[in-house]
N, C-alpha and C. Protein backbone atom coordinates (compact mmCIF):
# COMPACT_ATOMS: atom_id res chain seq x y z
N MET A 1 -13.09 -7.36 14.57
CA MET A 1 -12.43 -6.27 14.89
C MET A 1 -11.70 -6.35 15.96
N ALA A 2 -12.02 -7.38 16.51
CA ALA A 2 -10.84 -7.46 17.83
C ALA A 2 -9.78 -7.94 16.94
N LYS A 3 -9.26 -8.49 15.98
CA LYS A 3 -8.08 -9.28 15.42
C LYS A 3 -7.43 -7.75 15.62
N LEU A 4 -7.66 -6.84 15.12
CA LEU A 4 -7.13 -5.23 14.81
C LEU A 4 -6.58 -4.65 15.64
N ALA A 5 -5.25 -4.75 15.27
CA ALA A 5 -4.47 -3.62 16.58
C ALA A 5 -5.38 -2.36 16.18
N ASN A 6 -4.74 -1.28 17.23
CA ASN A 6 -4.82 0.03 17.42
C ASN A 6 -4.46 0.64 16.00
N MET A 7 -5.36 1.22 15.05
CA MET A 7 -5.34 1.81 14.38
C MET A 7 -4.37 2.97 13.60
N SER A 8 -4.15 3.62 14.97
CA SER A 8 -3.13 4.22 14.97
C SER A 8 -2.30 4.69 15.38
N ALA A 9 -1.79 3.69 16.65
CA ALA A 9 -1.01 2.74 17.08
C ALA A 9 0.06 2.28 16.11
N PRO A 10 1.69 2.59 15.97
CA PRO A 10 2.67 2.71 15.15
C PRO A 10 2.80 0.75 15.51
N LEU A 11 3.73 0.25 14.76
CA LEU A 11 4.03 -1.06 14.63
C LEU A 11 5.51 -1.30 14.01
N GLN A 12 6.45 -0.55 15.15
CA GLN A 12 7.89 -0.70 14.98
C GLN A 12 8.39 -1.94 13.76
N PRO A 13 8.77 -1.46 13.04
CA PRO A 13 9.86 -3.02 12.69
C PRO A 13 11.56 -3.00 13.10
N ASN A 14 11.91 -4.32 13.03
CA ASN A 14 12.88 -4.18 13.45
C ASN A 14 14.28 -3.94 13.05
N ILE A 15 14.33 -2.89 11.85
CA ILE A 15 15.39 -2.36 11.74
C ILE A 15 15.19 -1.71 11.55
N ALA A 16 16.98 -0.76 11.36
CA ALA A 16 17.42 0.05 11.73
C ALA A 16 17.03 1.50 10.64
N ARG A 17 16.63 2.60 10.95
CA ARG A 17 15.82 3.67 9.95
C ARG A 17 16.44 5.17 10.73
N PHE A 18 15.70 5.78 9.79
CA PHE A 18 16.57 7.54 9.62
C PHE A 18 15.26 8.13 9.90
N PRO A 19 15.56 8.78 11.06
CA PRO A 19 14.42 10.44 11.66
C PRO A 19 13.97 10.87 10.42
N SER A 20 12.74 11.31 10.25
CA SER A 20 13.13 12.32 9.45
C SER A 20 13.57 13.69 9.21
N GLY A 21 13.89 13.77 7.64
CA GLY A 21 14.78 14.77 7.86
C GLY A 21 15.84 14.80 7.66
N THR A 22 16.72 13.59 8.21
CA THR A 22 17.93 13.33 8.43
C THR A 22 18.07 12.13 7.35
N GLU A 23 17.54 11.61 6.41
CA GLU A 23 17.74 10.21 5.34
C GLU A 23 18.04 10.89 4.08
N PRO A 24 19.17 10.25 3.84
CA PRO A 24 19.40 10.40 2.39
C PRO A 24 17.73 10.68 1.39
N LEU A 25 18.22 10.83 0.71
CA LEU A 25 16.76 11.45 -0.43
C LEU A 25 17.00 9.98 -1.29
N ARG A 26 18.30 9.15 -1.65
CA ARG A 26 17.83 7.58 -2.11
C ARG A 26 18.85 6.71 -1.02
N LEU A 27 17.93 5.56 -1.19
CA LEU A 27 19.27 4.17 0.07
C LEU A 27 19.60 3.74 -1.54
N HIS A 28 21.36 3.18 -0.52
CA HIS A 28 21.79 2.09 -1.44
C HIS A 28 21.08 0.63 -1.57
N PRO A 29 21.14 0.01 -2.57
CA PRO A 29 20.40 -1.09 -2.55
C PRO A 29 20.71 -1.95 -1.59
N TYR A 30 22.11 -1.94 -0.65
CA TYR A 30 22.68 -3.20 0.04
C TYR A 30 21.59 -2.89 1.67
N CYS A 31 21.01 -1.32 1.75
CA CYS A 31 20.02 -0.47 2.91
C CYS A 31 18.82 -1.29 2.31
N VAL A 32 18.19 -1.42 1.32
CA VAL A 32 17.24 -1.36 0.82
C VAL A 32 16.70 -3.02 0.62
N GLU A 33 17.75 -3.69 0.87
CA GLU A 33 17.45 -5.08 0.71
C GLU A 33 17.10 -5.81 2.50
N PRO A 34 17.40 -5.11 3.57
CA PRO A 34 16.65 -5.91 4.37
C PRO A 34 15.59 -5.24 4.64
N MET A 35 15.09 -3.92 3.90
CA MET A 35 13.69 -3.41 4.43
C MET A 35 12.45 -3.57 3.76
N ARG A 36 13.33 -4.31 2.19
CA ARG A 36 12.21 -5.44 1.61
C ARG A 36 12.08 -7.20 2.25
N GLU A 37 13.58 -7.66 3.17
CA GLU A 37 12.63 -8.63 3.72
C GLU A 37 11.89 -8.76 4.68
N ASN A 38 12.42 -7.23 5.86
CA ASN A 38 11.10 -7.10 6.55
C ASN A 38 9.80 -6.73 6.13
N LEU A 39 9.32 -6.59 5.12
CA LEU A 39 7.90 -5.96 4.67
C LEU A 39 7.78 -7.43 4.00
N HIS A 40 7.66 -8.51 3.50
CA HIS A 40 7.70 -9.25 3.11
C HIS A 40 7.55 -10.02 4.58
N ASN A 41 8.28 -10.05 5.09
CA ASN A 41 8.14 -11.04 6.59
C ASN A 41 6.98 -10.52 7.85
N ARG A 42 7.01 -9.53 7.43
CA ARG A 42 5.52 -8.98 7.86
C ARG A 42 3.95 -9.33 7.66
N ARG A 43 4.18 -8.96 6.66
CA ARG A 43 2.88 -8.95 5.13
C ARG A 43 2.28 -10.59 5.13
N LYS A 44 1.27 -10.69 5.01
CA LYS A 44 0.63 -12.29 4.97
C LYS A 44 1.09 -13.00 3.68
N ARG A 45 1.69 -13.90 3.41
CA ARG A 45 1.94 -14.78 2.04
C ARG A 45 0.74 -15.22 1.58
N MET A 46 0.58 -15.04 0.33
CA MET A 46 -0.70 -15.20 -0.17
C MET A 46 -0.77 -17.12 -0.74
N ASP A 47 -1.74 -17.77 -1.05
CA ASP A 47 -1.88 -18.75 -1.23
C ASP A 47 -1.88 -19.36 -2.61
N ASP A 48 -2.48 -18.59 -3.14
CA ASP A 48 -2.25 -18.36 -5.08
C ASP A 48 -1.37 -17.89 -5.16
N PRO A 49 -0.23 -18.88 -5.65
CA PRO A 49 0.86 -18.35 -6.06
C PRO A 49 1.28 -17.34 -7.28
N VAL A 50 0.45 -17.00 -8.16
CA VAL A 50 0.22 -15.95 -8.44
C VAL A 50 0.30 -14.90 -8.23
N LEU A 51 -0.83 -14.44 -7.09
CA LEU A 51 -1.15 -13.43 -6.46
C LEU A 51 -0.01 -13.07 -5.71
N GLU A 52 0.92 -13.88 -5.23
CA GLU A 52 1.79 -14.22 -4.70
C GLU A 52 2.74 -13.37 -5.39
N ARG A 53 3.23 -13.92 -7.16
CA ARG A 53 4.05 -13.49 -7.19
C ARG A 53 3.96 -12.01 -7.68
N PHE A 54 2.84 -12.00 -7.55
CA PHE A 54 2.24 -10.70 -8.36
C PHE A 54 2.87 -9.10 -7.41
N VAL A 55 2.62 -10.06 -5.94
CA VAL A 55 3.13 -8.74 -4.46
C VAL A 55 4.76 -8.75 -4.54
N GLN A 56 5.34 -9.52 -5.06
CA GLN A 56 6.78 -9.76 -4.98
C GLN A 56 6.99 -8.75 -6.19
N ARG A 57 6.79 -8.50 -7.07
CA ARG A 57 6.99 -7.91 -8.77
C ARG A 57 6.95 -6.53 -7.95
N VAL A 58 5.44 -6.13 -7.53
CA VAL A 58 5.48 -4.85 -6.79
C VAL A 58 6.50 -4.54 -6.04
N PHE A 59 7.25 -5.19 -5.34
CA PHE A 59 7.58 -4.63 -3.73
C PHE A 59 8.90 -4.79 -4.62
N ALA A 60 9.64 -5.19 -5.91
CA ALA A 60 10.54 -5.37 -6.62
C ALA A 60 11.89 -4.37 -6.90
N ASP A 61 10.69 -3.08 -6.54
CA ASP A 61 11.38 -1.88 -7.06
C ASP A 61 11.63 -1.32 -5.33
N ASP A 62 13.50 -0.56 -6.14
CA ASP A 62 13.53 -0.22 -4.34
C ASP A 62 13.09 0.89 -4.10
N LEU A 63 12.95 1.84 -5.07
CA LEU A 63 12.36 2.99 -4.55
C LEU A 63 10.23 3.17 -3.99
N MET A 64 10.16 1.43 -4.74
CA MET A 64 8.95 1.24 -4.09
C MET A 64 9.36 0.94 -2.68
N VAL A 65 9.99 0.37 -2.13
CA VAL A 65 10.27 -0.16 -1.03
C VAL A 65 10.45 1.13 -0.16
N GLU A 66 11.91 1.62 -0.21
CA GLU A 66 12.03 2.97 0.44
C GLU A 66 10.78 3.64 0.64
N CYS A 67 9.79 3.70 -0.23
CA CYS A 67 8.69 4.84 -0.01
C CYS A 67 7.89 4.29 1.34
N TYR A 68 7.93 2.93 1.81
CA TYR A 68 6.72 2.63 2.83
C TYR A 68 7.37 2.20 4.07
N PHE A 69 8.96 2.86 4.02
CA PHE A 69 9.68 2.94 5.12
C PHE A 69 10.28 4.62 5.24
N GLN A 70 9.44 5.49 4.83
CA GLN A 70 9.86 6.74 4.68
C GLN A 70 8.95 7.40 5.82
N PRO A 71 9.90 7.93 7.05
CA PRO A 71 8.63 8.13 8.10
C PRO A 71 8.03 9.44 8.11
N ARG A 72 6.94 9.26 8.61
CA ARG A 72 6.25 11.21 8.63
C ARG A 72 5.54 11.25 9.96
N ALA A 73 5.84 12.56 10.39
CA ALA A 73 4.74 13.14 11.59
C ALA A 73 3.86 12.98 10.87
N LEU A 74 2.68 12.44 11.68
CA LEU A 74 1.27 13.02 11.68
C LEU A 74 0.52 13.54 12.39
N HIS A 75 0.03 14.11 11.78
CA HIS A 75 -0.69 15.47 12.74
C HIS A 75 -2.55 16.19 12.38
N SER A 76 -2.46 14.71 12.37
CA SER A 76 -4.47 14.59 12.18
C SER A 76 -5.02 14.92 13.48
N ARG A 77 -6.20 15.78 13.18
CA ARG A 77 -6.31 16.09 14.70
C ARG A 77 -7.69 15.34 14.75
N SER A 78 -7.91 13.76 14.05
CA SER A 78 -8.11 12.86 14.48
C SER A 78 -7.46 11.70 15.68
N LEU A 79 -5.99 12.11 15.94
CA LEU A 79 -5.73 10.84 16.84
C LEU A 79 -5.72 11.58 17.84
N PRO A 80 -5.11 11.04 18.90
CA PRO A 80 -5.50 11.40 20.32
C PRO A 80 -3.83 12.60 20.62
N LEU A 81 -4.32 12.95 21.52
CA LEU A 81 -3.53 14.35 21.25
C LEU A 81 -1.96 13.70 21.78
N GLU A 82 -1.69 13.16 22.56
CA GLU A 82 -0.65 12.21 23.00
C GLU A 82 0.18 11.82 21.64
N GLN A 83 -0.69 11.52 20.57
CA GLN A 83 0.01 11.10 19.19
C GLN A 83 -0.10 12.03 17.83
N ARG A 84 -0.12 13.22 18.66
CA ARG A 84 -0.19 13.92 17.38
C ARG A 84 1.53 14.60 17.21
N GLY A 85 2.21 14.40 16.05
CA GLY A 85 3.53 14.83 15.84
C GLY A 85 4.44 13.26 15.87
N LEU A 86 3.51 12.97 16.32
CA LEU A 86 4.76 11.08 16.36
C LEU A 86 5.10 10.87 15.00
N GLU A 87 5.90 9.93 14.79
CA GLU A 87 6.83 9.55 13.28
C GLU A 87 5.78 7.78 13.49
N GLN A 88 5.43 7.79 11.86
CA GLN A 88 5.18 6.37 12.10
C GLN A 88 5.77 6.24 10.54
N LEU A 89 5.86 5.38 10.09
CA LEU A 89 6.05 4.29 8.69
C LEU A 89 4.98 3.78 7.77
N PRO A 90 4.68 4.32 6.76
CA PRO A 90 3.75 3.97 5.83
C PRO A 90 3.12 2.73 5.64
N LEU A 91 4.43 1.93 6.17
CA LEU A 91 4.68 -0.15 5.79
C LEU A 91 3.29 -0.24 7.24
N ASP A 92 3.47 0.46 8.27
CA ASP A 92 2.54 0.09 9.26
C ASP A 92 1.02 0.40 9.06
N ALA A 93 0.93 1.94 8.49
CA ALA A 93 -0.65 2.10 7.92
C ALA A 93 -1.05 0.83 6.86
N ALA A 94 -0.18 0.37 6.20
CA ALA A 94 -0.29 -0.24 4.90
C ALA A 94 -0.80 -1.42 5.16
N LEU A 95 -0.28 -2.46 6.41
CA LEU A 95 -0.18 -3.61 7.17
C LEU A 95 -1.64 -3.44 7.89
N ARG A 96 -1.85 -2.53 8.56
CA ARG A 96 -3.02 -2.22 9.08
C ARG A 96 -4.94 -2.07 8.31
N ALA A 97 -4.37 -1.23 6.86
CA ALA A 97 -5.35 -1.23 5.80
C ALA A 97 -5.46 -2.82 5.36
N ALA A 98 -4.60 -3.44 5.05
CA ALA A 98 -5.11 -4.73 4.79
C ALA A 98 -5.74 -5.72 6.02
N LEU A 99 -5.36 -5.63 7.02
CA LEU A 99 -5.56 -6.67 7.97
C LEU A 99 -7.22 -5.90 7.85
N ARG A 100 -7.10 -4.50 8.18
CA ARG A 100 -9.07 -4.45 7.68
C ARG A 100 -9.74 -4.53 6.13
N ALA A 101 -9.14 -4.63 5.30
CA ALA A 101 -9.64 -5.33 4.37
C ALA A 101 -10.08 -6.42 4.24
N PHE A 102 -9.06 -7.30 5.31
CA PHE A 102 -9.60 -8.93 4.76
C PHE A 102 -10.23 -9.18 5.92
N TYR A 103 -10.35 -8.57 6.84
CA TYR A 103 -11.84 -9.20 8.02
C TYR A 103 -12.87 -8.34 7.75
N MET A 104 -12.91 -7.91 6.72
CA MET A 104 -14.23 -6.38 6.21
C MET A 104 -15.33 -8.26 6.19
N ASP A 105 -16.31 -7.91 6.76
CA ASP A 105 -17.51 -8.86 6.78
C ASP A 105 -18.45 -8.86 5.15
N ILE A 106 -17.75 -7.52 4.21
CA ILE A 106 -18.18 -8.04 2.60
C ILE A 106 -17.32 -8.47 1.56
N VAL A 107 -16.14 -8.88 2.27
CA VAL A 107 -15.89 -10.31 1.33
C VAL A 107 -15.57 -11.38 2.68
N THR A 108 -16.36 -12.34 1.59
CA THR A 108 -16.62 -13.65 2.81
C THR A 108 -15.98 -14.95 2.14
N GLN A 109 -15.24 -14.88 0.80
CA GLN A 109 -14.97 -15.63 0.16
C GLN A 109 -12.85 -15.78 0.31
N PRO A 110 -12.69 -16.86 1.47
CA PRO A 110 -11.20 -16.69 1.36
C PRO A 110 -10.15 -16.17 0.16
N HIS A 111 -10.23 -17.13 -1.41
CA HIS A 111 -9.85 -15.93 -1.95
C HIS A 111 -9.86 -14.55 -2.67
N GLU A 112 -11.17 -14.12 -1.86
CA GLU A 112 -11.63 -12.73 -1.93
C GLU A 112 -10.93 -11.83 -1.15
N ARG A 113 -10.74 -12.77 0.35
CA ARG A 113 -10.01 -11.76 1.59
C ARG A 113 -8.32 -11.45 0.77
N GLN A 114 -7.95 -12.36 0.28
CA GLN A 114 -6.48 -12.11 0.14
C GLN A 114 -6.48 -11.21 -1.13
N LEU A 115 -7.09 -11.53 -2.02
CA LEU A 115 -6.91 -10.27 -2.89
C LEU A 115 -7.44 -9.20 -2.15
N ALA A 116 -8.35 -8.66 -1.24
CA ALA A 116 -8.81 -7.74 -0.30
C ALA A 116 -6.82 -6.88 0.28
N TYR A 117 -6.82 -8.25 0.63
CA TYR A 117 -5.75 -7.89 1.44
C TYR A 117 -4.35 -7.37 0.55
N ALA A 118 -3.99 -7.92 -0.83
CA ALA A 118 -2.81 -7.67 -1.25
C ALA A 118 -3.45 -6.10 -1.99
N ALA A 119 -4.49 -6.43 -2.08
CA ALA A 119 -5.14 -4.68 -3.04
C ALA A 119 -4.88 -3.20 -1.88
N SER A 120 -5.00 -3.89 -0.61
CA SER A 120 -5.26 -2.65 0.74
C SER A 120 -3.73 -2.81 0.55
N LEU A 121 -2.74 -3.15 0.48
CA LEU A 121 -1.41 -2.73 1.35
C LEU A 121 -0.62 -2.67 -0.04
N ILE A 122 -1.24 -2.33 -0.73
CA ILE A 122 -0.77 -1.16 -2.18
C ILE A 122 -1.31 -0.40 -2.36
N PHE A 123 -2.21 -0.68 -2.37
CA PHE A 123 -3.74 0.77 -2.60
C PHE A 123 -2.97 2.46 -2.36
N SER A 124 -2.26 2.43 -1.50
CA SER A 124 -2.19 3.69 -1.33
C SER A 124 -0.14 4.38 -1.81
N CYS A 125 0.15 3.04 -2.52
CA CYS A 125 1.64 3.35 -2.98
C CYS A 125 1.46 4.73 -3.46
N GLY A 126 1.04 4.79 -4.13
CA GLY A 126 0.83 6.10 -5.00
C GLY A 126 1.17 7.22 -3.99
N LEU A 127 0.29 7.37 -2.46
CA LEU A 127 0.31 8.49 -1.92
C LEU A 127 2.18 8.07 -1.66
N PHE A 128 2.19 7.27 -0.49
CA PHE A 128 3.85 7.20 -0.49
C PHE A 128 4.51 8.06 -1.23
N HIS A 129 4.48 7.67 -2.67
CA HIS A 129 5.27 7.82 -4.01
C HIS A 129 5.52 9.63 -3.78
N CYS A 130 4.50 10.03 -3.55
CA CYS A 130 4.29 11.39 -3.79
C CYS A 130 5.44 12.25 -2.78
N GLN A 131 5.41 11.33 -1.72
CA GLN A 131 6.28 12.13 -0.08
C GLN A 131 6.88 12.18 0.27
N HIS A 132 7.83 10.70 -0.80
CA HIS A 132 9.32 10.69 -0.52
C HIS A 132 9.97 11.67 -1.41
N PRO A 133 11.25 12.00 0.12
CA PRO A 133 11.84 13.13 -0.33
C PRO A 133 12.36 13.55 -1.90
N TRP A 134 12.79 11.98 -2.26
CA TRP A 134 13.69 12.76 -3.99
C TRP A 134 12.68 12.33 -4.69
N VAL A 135 11.69 11.90 -4.53
CA VAL A 135 10.64 12.58 -5.15
C VAL A 135 10.14 13.78 -5.70
N VAL A 136 9.59 14.43 -4.41
CA VAL A 136 9.52 15.60 -4.21
C VAL A 136 10.64 16.58 -5.02
N LYS A 137 12.06 15.92 -4.77
CA LYS A 137 12.98 17.51 -5.10
C LYS A 137 12.78 17.01 -6.54
N THR A 138 12.95 15.66 -7.18
CA THR A 138 13.11 15.75 -8.76
C THR A 138 11.68 16.19 -9.56
N THR A 139 10.76 16.12 -9.16
CA THR A 139 9.52 16.32 -9.54
C THR A 139 9.38 17.76 -8.97
N GLY A 140 9.96 18.11 -7.81
CA GLY A 140 9.33 19.70 -7.50
C GLY A 140 7.97 19.75 -7.02
N LEU A 141 7.26 18.51 -6.87
CA LEU A 141 5.90 18.68 -6.90
C LEU A 141 5.20 18.06 -5.08
N ASN A 142 4.75 18.64 -4.88
CA ASN A 142 4.91 18.56 -3.47
C ASN A 142 3.41 17.88 -2.74
N ASP A 143 2.10 17.65 -3.83
CA ASP A 143 1.06 17.84 -3.78
C ASP A 143 0.40 16.23 -3.48
N VAL A 144 -0.40 16.01 -2.93
CA VAL A 144 -1.25 14.49 -2.92
C VAL A 144 -2.89 14.69 -3.30
N ALA A 145 -3.13 15.67 -4.54
CA ALA A 145 -4.47 15.41 -4.78
C ALA A 145 -4.46 14.39 -5.60
N PHE A 146 -6.37 14.08 -5.41
CA PHE A 146 -6.53 12.94 -5.70
C PHE A 146 -5.55 12.19 -6.92
N ASN A 147 -6.06 12.76 -7.59
CA ASN A 147 -5.74 12.52 -9.28
C ASN A 147 -4.55 12.35 -9.66
N ARG A 148 -3.70 13.39 -8.63
CA ARG A 148 -2.37 12.84 -9.05
C ARG A 148 -1.88 11.50 -8.34
N VAL A 149 -1.89 11.43 -7.50
CA VAL A 149 -1.96 9.92 -6.97
C VAL A 149 -2.19 8.30 -7.27
N ASP A 150 -3.70 9.06 -7.39
CA ASP A 150 -4.31 8.12 -9.11
C ASP A 150 -3.32 7.65 -9.87
N GLY A 151 -2.61 8.78 -10.45
CA GLY A 151 -2.05 8.56 -11.75
C GLY A 151 -0.57 7.17 -11.28
N VAL A 152 -0.04 8.77 -10.45
CA VAL A 152 1.20 7.92 -9.96
C VAL A 152 1.07 5.81 -9.35
N ARG A 153 -0.23 5.72 -9.24
CA ARG A 153 -0.21 4.68 -8.48
C ARG A 153 -0.51 3.66 -9.89
N ALA A 154 -1.26 3.78 -10.75
CA ALA A 154 -1.36 3.66 -11.90
C ALA A 154 -0.03 3.28 -12.76
N HIS A 155 0.67 4.04 -12.59
CA HIS A 155 2.14 4.12 -13.42
C HIS A 155 2.77 2.90 -12.77
N LEU A 156 3.08 3.11 -11.35
CA LEU A 156 3.60 2.09 -10.60
C LEU A 156 3.33 0.62 -10.83
N LEU A 157 2.32 0.71 -11.20
CA LEU A 157 1.31 -1.12 -10.97
C LEU A 157 1.66 -0.93 -12.34
N GLU A 158 1.43 -0.49 -13.17
CA GLU A 158 1.73 -1.40 -14.70
C GLU A 158 2.38 -2.18 -15.58
N TRP A 159 3.61 -2.07 -14.71
CA TRP A 159 4.47 -3.60 -15.41
C TRP A 159 4.13 -4.35 -14.90
N PRO A 160 4.10 -4.54 -13.31
CA PRO A 160 2.90 -6.07 -12.64
C PRO A 160 1.30 -6.26 -12.82
N LEU A 161 1.02 -5.52 -13.15
CA LEU A 161 -0.53 -6.19 -13.12
C LEU A 161 -0.51 -6.20 -14.90
N HIS A 162 0.16 -6.31 -15.60
CA HIS A 162 0.89 -6.57 -17.06
C HIS A 162 1.00 -7.61 -17.57
N GLN A 163 1.89 -7.56 -16.67
CA GLN A 163 3.09 -9.85 -15.65
C GLN A 163 1.41 -10.38 -15.53
N LEU A 164 0.82 -9.81 -14.53
CA LEU A 164 -0.30 -10.70 -13.93
C LEU A 164 -1.26 -11.04 -15.19
N ARG A 165 -1.86 -9.89 -15.56
CA ARG A 165 -2.86 -10.67 -16.74
C ARG A 165 -1.94 -11.98 -17.82
N LEU A 166 -0.93 -11.63 -17.86
CA LEU A 166 -0.06 -13.16 -18.70
C LEU A 166 -0.24 -13.88 -17.97
N GLU A 167 0.09 -14.13 -16.56
CA GLU A 167 -0.19 -15.20 -15.86
C GLU A 167 -1.44 -16.07 -15.71
N ASN A 168 -2.81 -14.77 -15.20
CA ASN A 168 -3.60 -15.20 -15.19
C ASN A 168 -4.73 -14.10 -15.53
N ALA A 169 -5.15 -14.06 -16.77
CA ALA A 169 -6.10 -12.40 -17.32
C ALA A 169 -7.41 -12.25 -16.40
N ALA A 170 -7.95 -13.22 -15.95
CA ALA A 170 -8.99 -13.44 -15.02
C ALA A 170 -8.68 -12.40 -13.55
N MET A 171 -7.83 -12.76 -13.33
CA MET A 171 -7.64 -11.93 -11.72
C MET A 171 -7.12 -10.96 -11.82
N GLY A 172 -5.83 -10.56 -13.65
CA GLY A 172 -5.71 -9.66 -13.41
C GLY A 172 -6.10 -8.53 -14.07
N ASP A 173 -7.27 -9.03 -15.05
CA ASP A 173 -8.80 -7.59 -15.14
C ASP A 173 -9.65 -7.51 -13.67
N THR A 174 -9.59 -8.51 -12.95
CA THR A 174 -10.03 -7.96 -11.31
C THR A 174 -9.38 -6.74 -10.76
N TRP A 175 -8.20 -7.33 -10.99
CA TRP A 175 -7.15 -6.44 -9.97
C TRP A 175 -7.24 -5.03 -10.81
N GLY A 176 -7.38 -4.78 -12.41
CA GLY A 176 -7.47 -3.88 -12.63
C GLY A 176 -8.24 -3.17 -12.57
N GLU A 177 -9.97 -3.75 -13.11
CA GLU A 177 -11.14 -2.85 -11.98
C GLU A 177 -10.86 -1.95 -10.92
N VAL A 178 -10.77 -2.95 -9.97
CA VAL A 178 -9.97 -2.74 -8.51
C VAL A 178 -9.24 -1.65 -8.87
N PHE A 179 -8.44 -1.24 -9.37
CA PHE A 179 -7.50 0.25 -9.83
C PHE A 179 -7.87 0.68 -10.51
N ASP A 180 -8.92 1.02 -11.56
CA ASP A 180 -9.63 1.64 -12.09
C ASP A 180 -9.34 1.37 -12.89
N GLN A 181 -8.06 0.57 -13.29
CA GLN A 181 -7.21 0.53 -14.67
C GLN A 181 -7.22 -0.90 -15.52
N GLY A 182 -8.82 -1.44 -15.38
CA GLY A 182 -9.34 -1.84 -16.50
C GLY A 182 -9.71 -2.29 -17.58
N ILE A 183 -8.79 -3.33 -18.58
CA ILE A 183 -9.10 -3.13 -19.65
C ILE A 183 -10.10 -4.17 -20.31
N ASN A 184 -11.05 -4.69 -19.92
CA ASN A 184 -11.54 -6.07 -19.97
C ASN A 184 -13.45 -5.64 -19.35
N GLU A 185 -13.85 -5.85 -20.30
CA GLU A 185 -15.40 -5.89 -19.09
C GLU A 185 -15.99 -7.29 -19.11
N ASP A 186 -15.21 -8.54 -19.31
CA ASP A 186 -15.26 -9.59 -18.79
C ASP A 186 -15.06 -10.32 -17.24
N ILE A 187 -15.72 -9.45 -16.70
CA ILE A 187 -14.88 -9.40 -14.84
C ILE A 187 -16.71 -9.44 -14.35
N ASP A 188 -16.58 -9.95 -13.07
CA ASP A 188 -17.38 -10.17 -12.05
C ASP A 188 -17.72 -8.72 -11.69
N PRO A 189 -19.19 -7.83 -11.75
CA PRO A 189 -18.95 -6.83 -11.20
C PRO A 189 -19.23 -6.71 -10.02
N GLU A 190 -20.18 -7.96 -9.45
CA GLU A 190 -20.05 -7.76 -8.15
C GLU A 190 -18.75 -7.97 -6.42
N GLN A 191 -17.70 -9.06 -7.70
CA GLN A 191 -16.50 -9.30 -6.83
C GLN A 191 -16.34 -8.44 -6.99
N VAL A 192 -16.05 -7.54 -7.64
CA VAL A 192 -14.99 -5.97 -8.05
C VAL A 192 -15.29 -5.36 -7.22
N SER A 193 -17.23 -5.05 -6.37
CA SER A 193 -17.31 -4.20 -5.78
C SER A 193 -17.34 -4.17 -4.72
N ARG A 194 -17.13 -5.85 -4.68
CA ARG A 194 -16.81 -6.28 -2.48
C ARG A 194 -15.43 -6.03 -2.46
N ILE A 195 -14.81 -6.70 -3.44
CA ILE A 195 -13.34 -5.72 -3.19
C ILE A 195 -12.65 -4.53 -3.21
N GLY A 196 -13.70 -3.85 -3.67
CA GLY A 196 -13.40 -2.35 -4.58
C GLY A 196 -13.51 -1.98 -2.64
N THR A 197 -14.79 -2.22 -2.51
CA THR A 197 -14.96 -1.04 -1.61
C THR A 197 -14.32 -1.69 -0.23
N ALA A 198 -14.21 -2.86 0.29
CA ALA A 198 -13.13 -3.09 1.51
C ALA A 198 -11.72 -2.45 1.24
N VAL A 199 -11.29 -2.35 -0.01
CA VAL A 199 -10.22 -1.66 -0.04
C VAL A 199 -10.17 -0.36 0.18
N TRP A 200 -11.22 0.19 -0.65
CA TRP A 200 -11.50 2.03 -0.01
C TRP A 200 -11.39 2.78 1.50
N LEU A 201 -12.37 1.43 1.59
CA LEU A 201 -12.73 1.33 3.15
C LEU A 201 -11.59 1.90 4.16
N ALA A 202 -10.86 0.16 3.93
CA ALA A 202 -9.54 0.11 3.99
C ALA A 202 -8.91 1.55 4.40
N ASN A 203 -8.54 1.63 3.28
CA ASN A 203 -7.23 3.11 3.00
C ASN A 203 -8.04 4.08 3.36
N ARG A 204 -9.18 4.82 3.86
CA ARG A 204 -9.43 6.58 4.35
C ARG A 204 -9.09 6.40 5.17
N ARG A 205 -8.33 5.77 6.03
CA ARG A 205 -7.92 6.26 7.52
C ARG A 205 -6.23 6.30 6.94
N VAL A 206 -5.82 5.94 5.63
CA VAL A 206 -4.46 6.33 5.35
C VAL A 206 -4.53 7.54 4.83
N ALA A 207 -5.21 7.67 3.94
CA ALA A 207 -5.23 8.89 3.39
C ALA A 207 -5.88 9.96 4.34
N GLU A 208 -6.85 9.84 5.28
CA GLU A 208 -6.56 10.80 5.98
C GLU A 208 -5.30 11.23 7.16
N LEU A 209 -4.86 10.54 7.10
CA LEU A 209 -3.74 10.35 8.52
C LEU A 209 -2.55 10.99 7.92
N TRP A 210 -2.33 10.68 6.36
CA TRP A 210 -0.93 10.70 5.03
C TRP A 210 -1.46 12.05 4.36
N THR A 211 -1.98 12.98 4.98
CA THR A 211 -2.32 13.80 3.95
C THR A 211 -3.29 15.29 4.63
N ALA A 212 -3.14 15.14 6.05
CA ALA A 212 -3.98 16.14 6.92
C ALA A 212 -2.58 17.07 7.10
C-alpha cells in the first residue's frame, strides 16, 4: 500500500478547468477532447486489447468525460479539517480507487488486477453522472440514492458491455457479473467474487466523499 497516494489528496491534471458553480452546463466537444486525452494519459493502459477498447468506448461519450472532470467541494467529516471544503475532481478519486483495487491482495493474477483496475476506474460513473449540473437540471433530480446510481451506471455501460461481449463473451460476462448486469451463469464465481470485492472496497471511499 506504500505505492498509493494519500487517498484524500487531490491529483490535479494539467488542464484548464472551471471553478465549481461557474462552469457551463455542457462543454463544446473541442473542450472535452483535451480532457479525454488527459484521462487516458493518466490511467493505466490495458495489456489486453479487448479490455483497452472497452475502456476507450466507455469514455467515448463526451458527457461521461465531463462527469469525471466536474469539480466538487468535499465536506466529509472523515477528511482532515484543512481539506474540508476543498475541490477535487472525480477523476482523481477514480484513479486512486483503481490503484487501490489493482494492488489489493485479494486479486493475485495479472489479468485480474487489470480487470479490477478498469472496473474500479468506471465503477463510480453513475454517481458522478447523477451529480453533473446538466443532468441535475434536465432530470430535476439531485439524489444519489444507491438504486438510482446503480441504475444510471447500468444504462451508461449497456452499449460498451454489449460490444465487449461481442468481442469476448467470457470477459463480458465477468464484467456483467461484477457490475450486477450478468446475463450468463457460465462464469467463474470465485474470480467474480475477488474482482467484485476489490472494486467495491476500493470505491467505498469515493462514495463516502461524494455523498457527504
